[in-house]
Amino acid sequence: MKNSLQIYLEYEIKQSLQHQYRQIMNSIIQSMPLYDAVNIRWEKSEADENRYIETFVVPTESHYHAIKRLRTSRGHLLFGRLDDCICGGLKEMKCIGLKKSS
């Protein structure tokens, strides 16, 4: 993957919805390879137990833009389910893509 991008998603979830969030995320993690995402990691922040960071690698900038659009869409059948869990909803999800140099 010569021109691949490292993607970082960061957000804070509502304490009361931890269990529901984890269930949804298990499905999301399993689905990400369908979007050509690899090296998928999902971790809780060291500094804040309600803040989570997802990282993964996609092959192109087009993948990044498509995934960003899908992951922040309240209408998406799977990804949209996170809207209730995230403080401020999906619009508060930070999504950063960094080009990996070969």
PDB file of N, CA and C in Angstrom:
ATOM      1  N   MET A   1       0.841  -1.185   0.000  1.00  0.00           N
ATOM      2  CA  MET A   1       0.000   0.000   0.000  1.00  0.00           C
ATOM      3  C   MET A   1       0.880   1.240   0.000  1.00  0.00           C
ATOM      4  N   LYS A   2       1.326   1.604  -1.158  1.00  0.00           N
ATOM      5  CA  LYS A   2       2.309   2.676  -1.287  1.00  0.00           C
ATOM      6  C   LYS A   2       1.785   4.028  -0.799  1.00  0.00           C
ATOM      7  N   ASN A   3       0.593   4.407  -1.226  1.00  0.00           N
ATOM      8  CA  ASN A   3       0.060   5.723  -0.871  1.00  0.00           C
ATOM      9  C   ASN A   3      -1.066   5.643   0.157  1.00  0.00           C
ATOM     10  N   SER A   4      -0.973   4.691   1.052  1.00  0.00           N
ATOM     11  CA  SER A   4      -2.053   4.475   2.000  1.00  0.00           C
ATOM     12  C   SER A   4      -2.162   5.605   3.022  1.00  0.00           C
ATOM     13  N   LEU A   5      -3.304   5.664   3.678  1.00  0.00           N
ATOM     14  CA  LEU A   5      -3.561   6.678   4.696  1.00  0.00           C
ATOM     15  C   LEU A   5      -3.847   6.005   6.036  1.00  0.00           C
ATOM     16  N   GLN A   6      -3.287   6.566   7.078  1.00  0.00           N
ATOM     17  CA  GLN A   6      -3.588   6.148   8.451  1.00  0.00           C
ATOM     18  C   GLN A   6      -4.754   7.020   8.918  1.00  0.00           C
ATOM     19  N   ILE A   7      -5.824   6.393   9.348  1.00  0.00           N
ATOM     20  CA  ILE A   7      -7.018   7.117   9.776  1.00  0.00           C
ATOM     21  C   ILE A   7      -7.135   7.047  11.297  1.00  0.00           C
ATOM     22  N   TYR A   8      -7.477   8.189  11.898  1.00  0.00           N
ATOM     23  CA  TYR A   8      -7.708   8.269  13.341  1.00  0.00           C
ATOM     24  C   TYR A   8      -9.118   8.804  13.569  1.00  0.00           C
ATOM     25  N   LEU A   9      -9.893   8.084  14.336  1.00  0.00           N
ATOM     26  CA  LEU A   9     -11.210   8.546  14.764  1.00  0.00           C
ATOM     27  C   LEU A   9     -11.152   8.689  16.280  1.00  0.00           C
ATOM     28  N   GLU A  10     -11.645   9.806  16.782  1.00  0.00           N
ATOM     29  CA  GLU A  10     -11.624  10.024  18.225  1.00  0.00           C
ATOM     30  C   GLU A  10     -12.942  10.650  18.647  1.00  0.00           C
ATOM     31  N   TYR A  11     -13.458  10.180  19.784  1.00  0.00           N
ATOM     32  CA  TYR A  11     -14.739  10.686  20.279  1.00  0.00           C
ATOM     33  C   TYR A  11     -14.905  10.281  21.733  1.00  0.00           C
ATOM     34  N   GLU A  12     -15.838  10.951  22.396  1.00  0.00           N
ATOM     35  CA  GLU A  12     -16.157  10.651  23.786  1.00  0.00           C
ATOM     36  C   GLU A  12     -17.547  10.036  23.819  1.00  0.00           C
ATOM     37  N   ILE A  13     -17.679   8.947  24.565  1.00  0.00           N
ATOM     38  CA  ILE A  13     -18.994   8.321  24.644  1.00  0.00           C
ATOM     39  C   ILE A  13     -19.650   8.612  25.990  1.00  0.00           C
ATOM     40  N   LYS A  14     -20.963   8.463  26.011  1.00  0.00           N
ATOM     41  CA  LYS A  14     -21.729   8.684  27.232  1.00  0.00           C
ATOM     42  C   LYS A  14     -21.504   7.500  28.176  1.00  0.00           C
ATOM     43  N   GLN A  15     -21.130   7.793  29.398  1.00  0.00           N
ATOM     44  CA  GLN A  15     -20.830   6.773  30.405  1.00  0.00           C
ATOM     45  C   GLN A  15     -21.960   5.746  30.507  1.00  0.00           C
ATOM     46  N   SER A  16     -23.200   6.220  30.479  1.00  0.00           N
ATOM     47  CA  SER A  16     -24.353   5.336  30.679  1.00  0.00           C
ATOM     48  C   SER A  16     -24.583   4.379  29.509  1.00  0.00           C
ATOM     49  N   LEU A  17     -23.929   4.620  28.384  1.00  0.00           N
ATOM     50  CA  LEU A  17     -24.152   3.781  27.193  1.00  0.00           C
ATOM     51  C   LEU A  17     -22.927   2.944  26.835  1.00  0.00           C
ATOM     52  N   GLN A  18     -22.033   2.729  27.797  1.00  0.00           N
ATOM     53  CA  GLN A  18     -20.797   1.951  27.559  1.00  0.00           C
ATOM     54  C   GLN A  18     -21.110   0.569  26.971  1.00  0.00           C
ATOM     55  N   HIS A  19     -22.049  -0.143  27.593  1.00  0.00           N
ATOM     56  CA  HIS A  19     -22.344  -1.516  27.163  1.00  0.00           C
ATOM     57  C   HIS A  19     -22.889  -1.529  25.732  1.00  0.00           C
ATOM     58  N   GLN A  20     -23.851  -0.666  25.453  1.00  0.00           N
ATOM     59  CA  GLN A  20     -24.439  -0.564  24.109  1.00  0.00           C
ATOM     60  C   GLN A  20     -23.352  -0.180  23.100  1.00  0.00           C
ATOM     61  N   TYR A  21     -22.495   0.770  23.477  1.00  0.00           N
ATOM     62  CA  TYR A  21     -21.406   1.212  22.607  1.00  0.00           C
ATOM     63  C   TYR A  21     -20.493   0.041  22.241  1.00  0.00           C
ATOM     64  N   ARG A  22     -20.107  -0.760  23.236  1.00  0.00           N
ATOM     65  CA  ARG A  22     -19.198  -1.877  22.974  1.00  0.00           C
ATOM     66  C   ARG A  22     -19.818  -2.889  22.012  1.00  0.00           C
ATOM     67  N   GLN A  23     -21.103  -3.142  22.174  1.00  0.00           N
ATOM     68  CA  GLN A  23     -21.790  -4.084  21.280  1.00  0.00           C
ATOM     69  C   GLN A  23     -21.780  -3.569  19.838  1.00  0.00           C
ATOM     70  N   ILE A  24     -22.097  -2.293  19.665  1.00  0.00           N
ATOM     71  CA  ILE A  24     -22.107  -1.697  18.326  1.00  0.00           C
ATOM     72  C   ILE A  24     -20.701  -1.733  17.734  1.00  0.00           C
ATOM     73  N   MET A  25     -19.699  -1.387  18.549  1.00  0.00           N
ATOM     74  CA  MET A  25     -18.319  -1.349  18.053  1.00  0.00           C
ATOM     75  C   MET A  25     -17.818  -2.721  17.631  1.00  0.00           C
ATOM     76  N   ASN A  26     -18.226  -3.774  18.314  1.00  0.00           N
ATOM     77  CA  ASN A  26     -17.816  -5.117  17.885  1.00  0.00           C
ATOM     78  C   ASN A  26     -18.291  -5.385  16.463  1.00  0.00           C
ATOM     79  N   SER A  27     -19.500  -4.964  16.142  1.00  0.00           N
ATOM     80  CA  SER A  27     -20.019  -5.121  14.779  1.00  0.00           C
ATOM     81  C   SER A  27     -19.271  -4.223  13.805  1.00  0.00           C
ATOM     82  N   ILE A  28     -18.979  -2.998  14.218  1.00  0.00           N
ATOM     83  CA  ILE A  28     -18.269  -2.057  13.340  1.00  0.00           C
ATOM     84  C   ILE A  28     -16.867  -2.581  13.022  1.00  0.00           C
ATOM     85  N   ILE A  29     -16.150  -3.042  14.046  1.00  0.00           N
ATOM     86  CA  ILE A  29     -14.790  -3.555  13.824  1.00  0.00           C
ATOM     87  C   ILE A  29     -14.816  -4.720  12.838  1.00  0.00           C
ATOM     88  N   GLN A  30     -15.809  -5.589  12.965  1.00  0.00           N
ATOM     89  CA  GLN A  30     -15.912  -6.724  12.037  1.00  0.00           C
ATOM     90  C   GLN A  30     -16.232  -6.266  10.619  1.00  0.00           C
ATOM     91  N   SER A  31     -16.937  -5.145  10.478  1.00  0.00           N
ATOM     92  CA  SER A  31     -17.347  -4.692   9.147  1.00  0.00           C
ATOM     93  C   SER A  31     -16.277  -3.858   8.431  1.00  0.00           C
ATOM     94  N   MET A  32     -15.332  -3.284   9.161  1.00  0.00           N
ATOM     95  CA  MET A  32     -14.371  -2.359   8.545  1.00  0.00           C
ATOM     96  C   MET A  32     -13.551  -2.972   7.396  1.00  0.00           C
ATOM     97  N   PRO A  33     -13.170  -4.260   7.448  1.00  0.00           N
ATOM     98  CA  PRO A  33     -12.446  -4.818   6.295  1.00  0.00           C
ATOM     99  C   PRO A  33     -13.252  -4.769   4.992  1.00  0.00           C
ATOM    100  N   LEU A  34     -14.586  -4.699   5.084  1.00  0.00           N
ATOM    101  CA  LEU A  34     -15.411  -4.573   3.881  1.00  0.00           C
ATOM    102  C   LEU A  34     -15.155  -3.249   3.168  1.00  0.00           C
ATOM    103  N   TYR A  35     -14.604  -2.276   3.901  1.00  0.00           N
ATOM    104  CA  TYR A  35     -14.281  -0.957   3.345  1.00  0.00           C
ATOM    105  C   TYR A  35     -12.782  -0.839   3.068  1.00  0.00           C
ATOM    106  N   ASP A  36     -12.114  -1.990   2.962  1.00  0.00           N
ATOM    107  CA  ASP A  36     -10.678  -2.081   2.679  1.00  0.00           C
ATOM    108  C   ASP A  36      -9.811  -1.508   3.796  1.00  0.00           C
ATOM    109  N   ALA A  37     -10.338  -1.461   5.012  1.00  0.00           N
ATOM    110  CA  ALA A  37      -9.545  -1.010   6.164  1.00  0.00           C
ATOM    111  C   ALA A  37      -8.742  -2.186   6.707  1.00  0.00           C
ATOM    112  N   VAL A  38      -7.483  -1.924   7.042  1.00  0.00           N
ATOM    113  CA  VAL A  38      -6.610  -2.942   7.628  1.00  0.00           C
ATOM    114  C   VAL A  38      -5.927  -2.353   8.866  1.00  0.00           C
ATOM    115  N   ASN A  39      -5.238  -3.202   9.613  1.00  0.00           N
ATOM    116  CA  ASN A  39      -4.535  -2.775  10.838  1.00  0.00           C
ATOM    117  C   ASN A  39      -5.479  -2.003  11.771  1.00  0.00           C
ATOM    118  N   ILE A  40      -6.648  -2.567  11.985  1.00  0.00           N
ATOM    119  CA  ILE A  40      -7.694  -1.899  12.760  1.00  0.00           C
ATOM    120  C   ILE A  40      -7.410  -2.036  14.253  1.00  0.00           C
ATOM    121  N   ARG A  41      -7.409  -0.899  14.924  1.00  0.00           N
ATOM    122  CA  ARG A  41      -7.226  -0.877  16.386  1.00  0.00           C
ATOM    123  C   ARG A  41      -8.320  -0.013  17.007  1.00  0.00           C
ATOM    124  N   TRP A  42      -8.778  -0.439  18.170  1.00  0.00           N
ATOM    125  CA  TRP A  42      -9.836   0.269  18.880  1.00  0.00           C
ATOM    126  C   TRP A  42      -9.424   0.302  20.342  1.00  0.00           C
ATOM    127  N   GLU A  43      -9.153   1.496  20.852  1.00  0.00           N
ATOM    128  CA  GLU A  43      -8.580   1.609  22.188  1.00  0.00           C
ATOM    129  C   GLU A  43      -9.247   2.705  23.000  1.00  0.00           C
ATOM    130  N   LYS A  44      -9.240   2.491  24.295  1.00  0.00           N
ATOM    131  CA  LYS A  44      -9.720   3.498  25.232  1.00  0.00           C
ATOM    132  C   LYS A  44      -8.564   4.446  25.515  1.00  0.00           C
ATOM    133  N   SER A  45      -8.859   5.728  25.612  1.00  0.00           N
ATOM    134  CA  SER A  45      -7.843   6.722  25.907  1.00  0.00           C
ATOM    135  C   SER A  45      -7.263   6.500  27.307  1.00  0.00           C
ATOM    136  N   GLU A  46      -5.971   6.715  27.436  1.00  0.00           N
ATOM    137  CA  GLU A  46      -5.320   6.617  28.753  1.00  0.00           C
ATOM    138  C   GLU A  46      -5.814   7.730  29.675  1.00  0.00           C
ATOM    139  N   ALA A  47      -6.060   8.903  29.101  1.00  0.00           N
ATOM    140  CA  ALA A  47      -6.385  10.093  29.892  1.00  0.00           C
ATOM    141  C   ALA A  47      -7.851  10.167  30.314  1.00  0.00           C
ATOM    142  N   ASP A  48      -8.747   9.558  29.529  1.00  0.00           N
ATOM    143  CA  ASP A  48     -10.181   9.701  29.785  1.00  0.00           C
ATOM    144  C   ASP A  48     -10.876   8.388  29.445  1.00  0.00           C
ATOM    145  N   GLU A  49     -11.466   7.759  30.442  1.00  0.00           N
ATOM    146  CA  GLU A  49     -12.058   6.433  30.224  1.00  0.00           C
ATOM    147  C   GLU A  49     -13.289   6.452  29.316  1.00  0.00           C
ATOM    148  N   ASN A  50     -13.834   7.617  29.028  1.00  0.00           N
ATOM    149  CA  ASN A  50     -14.978   7.707  28.120  1.00  0.00           C
ATOM    150  C   ASN A  50     -14.573   8.114  26.707  1.00  0.00           C
ATOM    151  N   ARG A  51     -13.282   8.312  26.478  1.00  0.00           N
ATOM    152  CA  ARG A  51     -12.787   8.714  25.158  1.00  0.00           C
ATOM    153  C   ARG A  51     -12.162   7.496  24.474  1.00  0.00           C
ATOM    154  N   TYR A  52     -12.545   7.304  23.222  1.00  0.00           N
ATOM    155  CA  TYR A  52     -12.036   6.166  22.459  1.00  0.00           C
ATOM    156  C   TYR A  52     -11.355   6.652  21.193  1.00  0.00           C
ATOM    157  N   ILE A  53     -10.384   5.868  20.756  1.00  0.00           N
ATOM    158  CA  ILE A  53      -9.632   6.170  19.539  1.00  0.00           C
ATOM    159  C   ILE A  53      -9.626   4.910  18.679  1.00  0.00           C
ATOM    160  N   GLU A  54      -9.996   5.086  17.431  1.00  0.00           N
ATOM    161  CA  GLU A  54      -9.900   4.003  16.457  1.00  0.00           C
ATOM    162  C   GLU A  54      -8.832   4.400  15.452  1.00  0.00           C
ATOM    163  N   THR A  55      -8.026   3.452  15.063  1.00  0.00           N
ATOM    164  CA  THR A  55      -7.062   3.706  13.991  1.00  0.00           C
ATOM    165  C   THR A  55      -7.141   2.557  12.999  1.00  0.00           C
ATOM    166  N   PHE A  56      -6.928   2.887  11.745  1.00  0.00           N
ATOM    167  CA  PHE A  56      -6.862   1.865  10.708  1.00  0.00           C
ATOM    168  C   PHE A  56      -6.209   2.478   9.481  1.00  0.00           C
ATOM    169  N   VAL A  57      -5.860   1.634   8.545  1.00  0.00           N
ATOM    170  CA  VAL A  57      -5.193   2.071   7.324  1.00  0.00           C
ATOM    171  C   VAL A  57      -6.101   1.755   6.146  1.00  0.00           C
ATOM    172  N   VAL A  58      -6.226   2.722   5.227  1.00  0.00           N
ATOM    173  CA  VAL A  58      -6.972   2.518   3.986  1.00  0.00           C
ATOM    174  C   VAL A  58      -6.039   2.783   2.805  1.00  0.00           C
ATOM    175  N   PRO A  59      -6.350   2.186   1.643  1.00  0.00           N
ATOM    176  CA  PRO A  59      -5.411   2.277   0.522  1.00  0.00           C
ATOM    177  C   PRO A  59      -5.374   3.613  -0.207  1.00  0.00           C
ATOM    178  N   THR A  60      -6.470   4.379  -0.200  1.00  0.00           N
ATOM    179  CA  THR A  60      -6.492   5.612  -1.002  1.00  0.00           C
ATOM    180  C   THR A  60      -7.206   6.746  -0.270  1.00  0.00           C
ATOM    181  N   GLU A  61      -7.013   7.961  -0.781  1.00  0.00           N
ATOM    182  CA  GLU A  61      -7.725   9.118  -0.243  1.00  0.00           C
ATOM    183  C   GLU A  61      -9.229   8.981  -0.464  1.00  0.00           C
ATOM    184  N   SER A  62      -9.607   8.375  -1.570  1.00  0.00           N
ATOM    185  CA  SER A  62     -11.036   8.151  -1.843  1.00  0.00           C
ATOM    186  C   SER A  62     -11.663   7.290  -0.757  1.00  0.00           C
ATOM    187  N   HIS A  63     -10.937   6.271  -0.317  1.00  0.00           N
ATOM    188  CA  HIS A  63     -11.427   5.421   0.780  1.00  0.00           C
ATOM    189  C   HIS A  63     -11.631   6.267   2.043  1.00  0.00           C
ATOM    190  N   TYR A  64     -10.659   7.125   2.323  1.00  0.00           N
ATOM    191  CA  TYR A  64     -10.748   7.983   3.505  1.00  0.00           C
ATOM    192  C   TYR A  64     -12.018   8.838   3.461  1.00  0.00           C
ATOM    193  N   HIS A  65     -12.244   9.504   2.337  1.00  0.00           N
ATOM    194  CA  HIS A  65     -13.401  10.392   2.227  1.00  0.00           C
ATOM    195  C   HIS A  65     -14.713   9.609   2.315  1.00  0.00           C
ATOM    196  N   ALA A  66     -14.749   8.429   1.694  1.00  0.00           N
ATOM    197  CA  ALA A  66     -15.958   7.604   1.734  1.00  0.00           C
ATOM    198  C   ALA A  66     -16.233   7.117   3.160  1.00  0.00           C
ATOM    199  N   ILE A  67     -15.192   6.634   3.832  1.00  0.00           N
ATOM    200  CA  ILE A  67     -15.371   6.135   5.200  1.00  0.00           C
ATOM    201  C   ILE A  67     -15.751   7.266   6.145  1.00  0.00           C
ATOM    202  N   LYS A  68     -15.118   8.423   5.982  1.00  0.00           N
ATOM    203  CA  LYS A  68     -15.456   9.564   6.832  1.00  0.00           C
ATOM    204  C   LYS A  68     -16.933   9.924   6.666  1.00  0.00           C
ATOM    205  N   ARG A  69     -17.399   9.950   5.422  1.00  0.00           N
ATOM    206  CA  ARG A  69     -18.803  10.273   5.152  1.00  0.00           C
ATOM    207  C   ARG A  69     -19.723   9.220   5.780  1.00  0.00           C
ATOM    208  N   LEU A  70     -19.392   7.947   5.610  1.00  0.00           N
ATOM    209  CA  LEU A  70     -20.230   6.876   6.147  1.00  0.00           C
ATOM    210  C   LEU A  70     -20.218   6.842   7.678  1.00  0.00           C
ATOM    211  N   ARG A  71     -19.028   6.980   8.264  1.00  0.00           N
ATOM    212  CA  ARG A  71     -18.902   6.870   9.717  1.00  0.00           C
ATOM    213  C   ARG A  71     -19.585   8.022  10.449  1.00  0.00           C
ATOM    214  N   THR A  72     -19.791   9.155   9.774  1.00  0.00           N
ATOM    215  CA  THR A  72     -20.442  10.294  10.422  1.00  0.00           C
ATOM    216  C   THR A  72     -21.896  10.458   9.958  1.00  0.00           C
ATOM    217  N   SER A  73     -22.421   9.434   9.282  1.00  0.00           N
ATOM    218  CA  SER A  73     -23.796   9.495   8.781  1.00  0.00           C
ATOM    219  C   SER A  73     -24.771   8.870   9.777  1.00  0.00           C
ATOM    220  N   ARG A  74     -25.688   9.683  10.258  1.00  0.00           N
ATOM    221  CA  ARG A  74     -26.699   9.180  11.187  1.00  0.00           C
ATOM    222  C   ARG A  74     -27.637   8.200  10.493  1.00  0.00           C
ATOM    223  N   GLY A  75     -27.730   8.288   9.170  1.00  0.00           N
ATOM    224  CA  GLY A  75     -28.631   7.414   8.423  1.00  0.00           C
ATOM    225  C   GLY A  75     -28.065   6.045   8.106  1.00  0.00           C
ATOM    226  N   HIS A  76     -26.779   5.829   8.322  1.00  0.00           N
ATOM    227  CA  HIS A  76     -26.163   4.534   8.024  1.00  0.00           C
ATOM    228  C   HIS A  76     -26.676   3.498   9.022  1.00  0.00           C
ATOM    229  N   LEU A  77     -27.069   2.331   8.520  1.00  0.00           N
ATOM    230  CA  LEU A  77     -27.691   1.318   9.379  1.00  0.00           C
ATOM    231  C   LEU A  77     -26.808   0.858  10.528  1.00  0.00           C
ATOM    232  N   LEU A  78     -25.517   0.742  10.310  1.00  0.00           N
ATOM    233  CA  LEU A  78     -24.615   0.312  11.383  1.00  0.00           C
ATOM    234  C   LEU A  78     -23.930   1.502  12.050  1.00  0.00           C
ATOM    235  N   PHE A  79     -23.212   2.298  11.278  1.00  0.00           N
ATOM    236  CA  PHE A  79     -22.434   3.396  11.857  1.00  0.00           C
ATOM    237  C   PHE A  79     -23.323   4.436  12.541  1.00  0.00           C
ATOM    238  N   GLY A  80     -24.519   4.643  12.016  1.00  0.00           N
ATOM    239  CA  GLY A  80     -25.446   5.622  12.583  1.00  0.00           C
ATOM    240  C   GLY A  80     -25.898   5.278  13.996  1.00  0.00           C
ATOM    241  N   ARG A  81     -25.769   4.006  14.369  1.00  0.00           N
ATOM    242  CA  ARG A  81     -26.174   3.581  15.712  1.00  0.00           C
ATOM    243  C   ARG A  81     -25.293   4.189  16.794  1.00  0.00           C
ATOM    244  N   LEU A  82     -24.103   4.673  16.432  1.00  0.00           N
ATOM    245  CA  LEU A  82     -23.215   5.305  17.417  1.00  0.00           C
ATOM    246  C   LEU A  82     -23.655   6.719  17.792  1.00  0.00           C
ATOM    247  N   ASP A  83     -24.552   7.317  17.009  1.00  0.00           N
ATOM    248  CA  ASP A  83     -24.946   8.705  17.237  1.00  0.00           C
ATOM    249  C   ASP A  83     -25.433   8.926  18.668  1.00  0.00           C
ATOM    250  N   ASP A  84     -26.237   8.008  19.187  1.00  0.00           N
ATOM    251  CA  ASP A  84     -26.752   8.143  20.561  1.00  0.00           C
ATOM    252  C   ASP A  84     -25.659   7.966  21.610  1.00  0.00           C
ATOM    253  N   CYS A  85     -24.655   7.160  21.303  1.00  0.00           N
ATOM    254  CA  CYS A  85     -23.610   6.822  22.279  1.00  0.00           C
ATOM    255  C   CYS A  85     -22.563   7.922  22.447  1.00  0.00           C
ATOM    256  N   ILE A  86     -22.336   8.696  21.403  1.00  0.00           N
ATOM    257  CA  ILE A  86     -21.267   9.696  21.417  1.00  0.00           C
ATOM    258  C   ILE A  86     -21.779  11.017  21.988  1.00  0.00           C
ATOM    259  N   CYS A  87     -21.013  11.589  22.884  1.00  0.00           N
ATOM    260  CA  CYS A  87     -21.365  12.898  23.452  1.00  0.00           C
ATOM    261  C   CYS A  87     -21.440  13.917  22.317  1.00  0.00           C
ATOM    262  N   GLY A  88     -22.615  14.505  22.117  1.00  0.00           N
ATOM    263  CA  GLY A  88     -22.787  15.462  21.036  1.00  0.00           C
ATOM    264  C   GLY A  88     -23.133  14.812  19.705  1.00  0.00           C
ATOM    265  N   GLY A  89     -23.168  13.497  19.646  1.00  0.00           N
ATOM    266  CA  GLY A  89     -23.523  12.780  18.420  1.00  0.00           C
ATOM    267  C   GLY A  89     -22.360  12.620  17.457  1.00  0.00           C
ATOM    268  N   LEU A  90     -22.643  11.996  16.341  1.00  0.00           N
ATOM    269  CA  LEU A  90     -21.608  11.699  15.339  1.00  0.00           C
ATOM    270  C   LEU A  90     -20.895  12.936  14.831  1.00  0.00           C
ATOM    271  N   LYS A  91     -21.568  14.088  14.859  1.00  0.00           N
ATOM    272  CA  LYS A  91     -20.931  15.317  14.352  1.00  0.00           C
ATOM    273  C   LYS A  91     -19.733  15.709  15.206  1.00  0.00           C
ATOM    274  N   GLU A  92     -19.625  15.170  16.422  1.00  0.00           N
ATOM    275  CA  GLU A  92     -18.493  15.470  17.308  1.00  0.00           C
ATOM    276  C   GLU A  92     -17.318  14.503  17.114  1.00  0.00           C
ATOM    277  N   MET A  93     -17.478  13.532  16.240  1.00  0.00           N
ATOM    278  CA  MET A  93     -16.400  12.565  15.983  1.00  0.00           C
ATOM    279  C   MET A  93     -15.299  13.260  15.191  1.00  0.00           C
ATOM    280  N   LYS A  94     -14.077  13.200  15.717  1.00  0.00           N
ATOM    281  CA  LYS A  94     -12.934  13.751  14.986  1.00  0.00           C
ATOM    282  C   LYS A  94     -12.412  12.664  14.054  1.00  0.00           C
ATOM    283  N   CYS A  95     -12.176  13.023  12.809  1.00  0.00           N
ATOM    284  CA  CYS A  95     -11.693  12.062  11.823  1.00  0.00           C
ATOM    285  C   CYS A  95     -10.512  12.700  11.095  1.00  0.00           C
ATOM    286  N   ILE A  96      -9.347  12.083  11.244  1.00  0.00           N
ATOM    287  CA  ILE A  96      -8.115  12.616  10.663  1.00  0.00           C
ATOM    288  C   ILE A  96      -7.479  11.542   9.786  1.00  0.00           C
ATOM    289  N   GLY A  97      -7.028  11.931   8.621  1.00  0.00           N
ATOM    290  CA  GLY A  97      -6.326  11.022   7.733  1.00  0.00           C
ATOM    291  C   GLY A  97      -4.926  11.542   7.468  1.00  0.00           C
ATOM    292  N   LEU A  98      -3.938  10.703   7.723  1.00  0.00           N
ATOM    293  CA  LEU A  98      -2.533  11.081   7.478  1.00  0.00           C
ATOM    294  C   LEU A  98      -1.941  10.175   6.409  1.00  0.00           C
ATOM    295  N   LYS A  99      -1.356  10.787   5.400  1.00  0.00           N
ATOM    296  CA  LYS A  99      -0.710  10.007   4.347  1.00  0.00           C
ATOM    297  C   LYS A  99       0.531   9.336   4.898  1.00  0.00           C
ATOM    298  N   LYS A 100       0.673   8.069   4.560  1.00  0.00           N
ATOM    299  CA  LYS A 100       1.856   7.327   4.958  1.00  0.00           C
ATOM    300  C   LYS A 100       2.882   7.413   3.823  1.00  0.00           C
ATOM    301  N   SER A 101       4.069   7.816   4.146  1.00  0.00           N
ATOM    302  CA  SER A 101       5.096   7.857   3.101  1.00  0.00           C
ATOM    303  C   SER A 101       5.721   6.484   2.987  1.00  0.00           C
ATOM    304  N   SER A 102       6.059   6.114   1.765  1.00  0.00           N
ATOM    305  CA  SER A 102       6.593   4.766   1.550  1.00  0.00           C
ATOM    306  C   SER A 102       8.066   4.683   1.855  1.00  0.00           C
TER     307      SER A 102
END
